[in-house]
């Protein structure tokens, strides 16, 4: 699996809050975002079934 980079636009207040959450969890901001993405995908797949490769 290759690692890809993604840019997002996020307002400053939300970014600051995300930094606080990441710091509290002892993670980098990048790691925290990846965890949130994984949780979102898992929740989607639980409701709708596994996402297959296209």
N, C-alpha and C. Protein backbone atom coordinates (compact mmCIF):
# COMPACT_ATOMS: atom_id res chain seq x y z
N UNK A 1 0.85 -1.17 0.00
CA UNK A 1 0.00 0.00 0.00
C UNK A 1 0.89 1.24 0.00
N UNK A 2 0.65 2.11 -0.95
CA UNK A 2 1.42 3.35 -1.00
C UNK A 2 0.72 4.42 -0.16
N UNK A 3 1.49 5.36 0.32
CA UNK A 3 0.97 6.46 1.12
C UNK A 3 0.79 7.67 0.22
N UNK A 4 -0.39 8.25 0.26
CA UNK A 4 -0.70 9.43 -0.54
C UNK A 4 -0.87 10.63 0.39
N UNK A 5 -0.71 11.80 -0.16
CA UNK A 5 -0.86 13.04 0.59
C UNK A 5 -2.13 13.75 0.13
N UNK A 6 -2.84 14.35 1.09
CA UNK A 6 -4.07 15.08 0.80
C UNK A 6 -4.02 16.44 1.48
N UNK A 7 -4.43 17.46 0.78
CA UNK A 7 -4.55 18.80 1.36
C UNK A 7 -6.02 19.05 1.67
N UNK A 8 -6.29 19.67 2.81
CA UNK A 8 -7.67 20.05 3.13
C UNK A 8 -7.71 21.51 3.56
N UNK A 9 -8.87 22.09 3.41
CA UNK A 9 -9.09 23.44 3.92
C UNK A 9 -9.88 23.27 5.21
N UNK A 10 -9.42 23.91 6.27
CA UNK A 10 -10.06 23.79 7.58
C UNK A 10 -9.94 25.13 8.29
N UNK A 11 -11.04 25.55 8.92
CA UNK A 11 -10.98 26.85 9.59
C UNK A 11 -10.07 26.76 10.81
N UNK A 12 -9.52 27.89 11.17
CA UNK A 12 -8.49 27.95 12.22
C UNK A 12 -9.01 27.42 13.56
N UNK A 13 -10.24 27.76 13.92
CA UNK A 13 -10.78 27.31 15.20
C UNK A 13 -10.87 25.78 15.26
N UNK A 14 -11.35 25.17 14.18
CA UNK A 14 -11.46 23.72 14.13
C UNK A 14 -10.07 23.07 14.19
N UNK A 15 -9.13 23.65 13.48
CA UNK A 15 -7.76 23.13 13.48
C UNK A 15 -7.15 23.20 14.89
N UNK A 16 -7.36 24.32 15.55
CA UNK A 16 -6.85 24.46 16.92
C UNK A 16 -7.47 23.42 17.86
N UNK A 17 -8.77 23.20 17.72
CA UNK A 17 -9.45 22.21 18.56
C UNK A 17 -8.93 20.80 18.25
N UNK A 18 -8.69 20.52 16.99
CA UNK A 18 -8.17 19.21 16.61
C UNK A 18 -6.77 18.99 17.19
N UNK A 19 -5.97 20.05 17.23
CA UNK A 19 -4.65 19.96 17.87
C UNK A 19 -4.78 19.61 19.35
N UNK A 20 -5.76 20.21 20.02
CA UNK A 20 -5.97 19.94 21.45
C UNK A 20 -6.34 18.47 21.64
N UNK A 21 -7.24 17.96 20.81
CA UNK A 21 -7.65 16.55 20.91
C UNK A 21 -6.45 15.64 20.66
N UNK A 22 -5.68 15.92 19.63
CA UNK A 22 -4.51 15.11 19.30
C UNK A 22 -3.50 15.13 20.45
N UNK A 23 -3.24 16.30 20.99
CA UNK A 23 -2.31 16.41 22.12
C UNK A 23 -2.81 15.62 23.32
N UNK A 24 -4.08 15.72 23.60
CA UNK A 24 -4.67 14.99 24.73
C UNK A 24 -4.51 13.48 24.55
N UNK A 25 -4.67 13.02 23.32
CA UNK A 25 -4.55 11.59 23.01
C UNK A 25 -3.09 11.15 22.84
N UNK A 26 -2.17 12.10 22.89
CA UNK A 26 -0.75 11.78 22.74
C UNK A 26 -0.37 11.43 21.32
N UNK A 27 -1.05 12.04 20.38
CA UNK A 27 -0.81 11.76 18.96
C UNK A 27 -0.44 13.02 18.21
N UNK A 28 0.15 12.81 17.05
CA UNK A 28 0.36 13.93 16.14
C UNK A 28 -0.98 14.28 15.51
N UNK A 29 -1.07 15.45 14.95
CA UNK A 29 -2.30 15.85 14.26
C UNK A 29 -2.58 14.89 13.11
N UNK A 30 -1.56 14.52 12.36
CA UNK A 30 -1.74 13.59 11.24
C UNK A 30 -2.30 12.25 11.72
N UNK A 31 -1.74 11.71 12.79
CA UNK A 31 -2.23 10.43 13.31
C UNK A 31 -3.67 10.53 13.79
N UNK A 32 -4.01 11.65 14.42
CA UNK A 32 -5.38 11.84 14.90
C UNK A 32 -6.35 11.89 13.73
N UNK A 33 -5.99 12.59 12.68
CA UNK A 33 -6.86 12.68 11.50
C UNK A 33 -7.04 11.30 10.87
N UNK A 34 -5.97 10.51 10.78
CA UNK A 34 -6.08 9.16 10.22
C UNK A 34 -7.02 8.29 11.06
N UNK A 35 -6.96 8.41 12.37
CA UNK A 35 -7.86 7.64 13.24
C UNK A 35 -9.30 8.05 12.99
N UNK A 36 -9.56 9.34 12.88
CA UNK A 36 -10.92 9.81 12.62
C UNK A 36 -11.43 9.32 11.27
N UNK A 37 -10.56 9.30 10.27
CA UNK A 37 -10.95 8.80 8.95
C UNK A 37 -11.27 7.31 9.02
N UNK A 38 -10.40 6.53 9.70
CA UNK A 38 -10.65 5.09 9.83
C UNK A 38 -11.97 4.82 10.55
N UNK A 39 -12.24 5.58 11.62
CA UNK A 39 -13.49 5.40 12.35
C UNK A 39 -14.70 5.72 11.48
N UNK A 40 -14.59 6.75 10.66
CA UNK A 40 -15.67 7.13 9.76
C UNK A 40 -15.93 6.04 8.72
N UNK A 41 -14.86 5.49 8.15
CA UNK A 41 -15.00 4.42 7.17
C UNK A 41 -15.61 3.18 7.81
N UNK A 42 -15.15 2.82 9.01
CA UNK A 42 -15.68 1.65 9.71
C UNK A 42 -17.18 1.82 9.99
N UNK A 43 -17.59 3.02 10.42
CA UNK A 43 -19.01 3.28 10.68
C UNK A 43 -19.82 3.17 9.40
N UNK A 44 -19.30 3.70 8.31
CA UNK A 44 -19.99 3.61 7.02
C UNK A 44 -20.16 2.14 6.61
N UNK A 45 -19.06 1.38 6.71
CA UNK A 45 -19.11 -0.02 6.30
C UNK A 45 -20.04 -0.84 7.20
N UNK A 46 -20.13 -0.48 8.45
CA UNK A 46 -21.05 -1.20 9.34
C UNK A 46 -22.50 -0.98 8.93
N UNK A 47 -22.81 0.21 8.47
CA UNK A 47 -24.17 0.53 8.05
C UNK A 47 -24.48 0.03 6.63
N UNK A 48 -23.48 0.09 5.75
CA UNK A 48 -23.73 -0.14 4.33
C UNK A 48 -23.01 -1.33 3.72
N UNK A 49 -22.19 -2.00 4.48
CA UNK A 49 -21.40 -3.12 3.96
C UNK A 49 -20.01 -2.67 3.56
N UNK A 50 -19.15 -3.64 3.42
CA UNK A 50 -17.75 -3.37 3.08
C UNK A 50 -17.64 -2.62 1.76
N UNK A 51 -16.71 -1.71 1.73
CA UNK A 51 -16.39 -0.98 0.50
C UNK A 51 -15.40 -1.83 -0.26
N UNK A 52 -15.74 -2.19 -1.49
CA UNK A 52 -14.86 -3.04 -2.28
C UNK A 52 -13.92 -2.22 -3.15
N UNK A 53 -12.91 -2.89 -3.62
CA UNK A 53 -11.99 -2.25 -4.57
C UNK A 53 -12.67 -2.16 -5.92
N UNK A 54 -12.55 -1.00 -6.55
CA UNK A 54 -13.13 -0.82 -7.90
C UNK A 54 -12.07 -0.91 -8.93
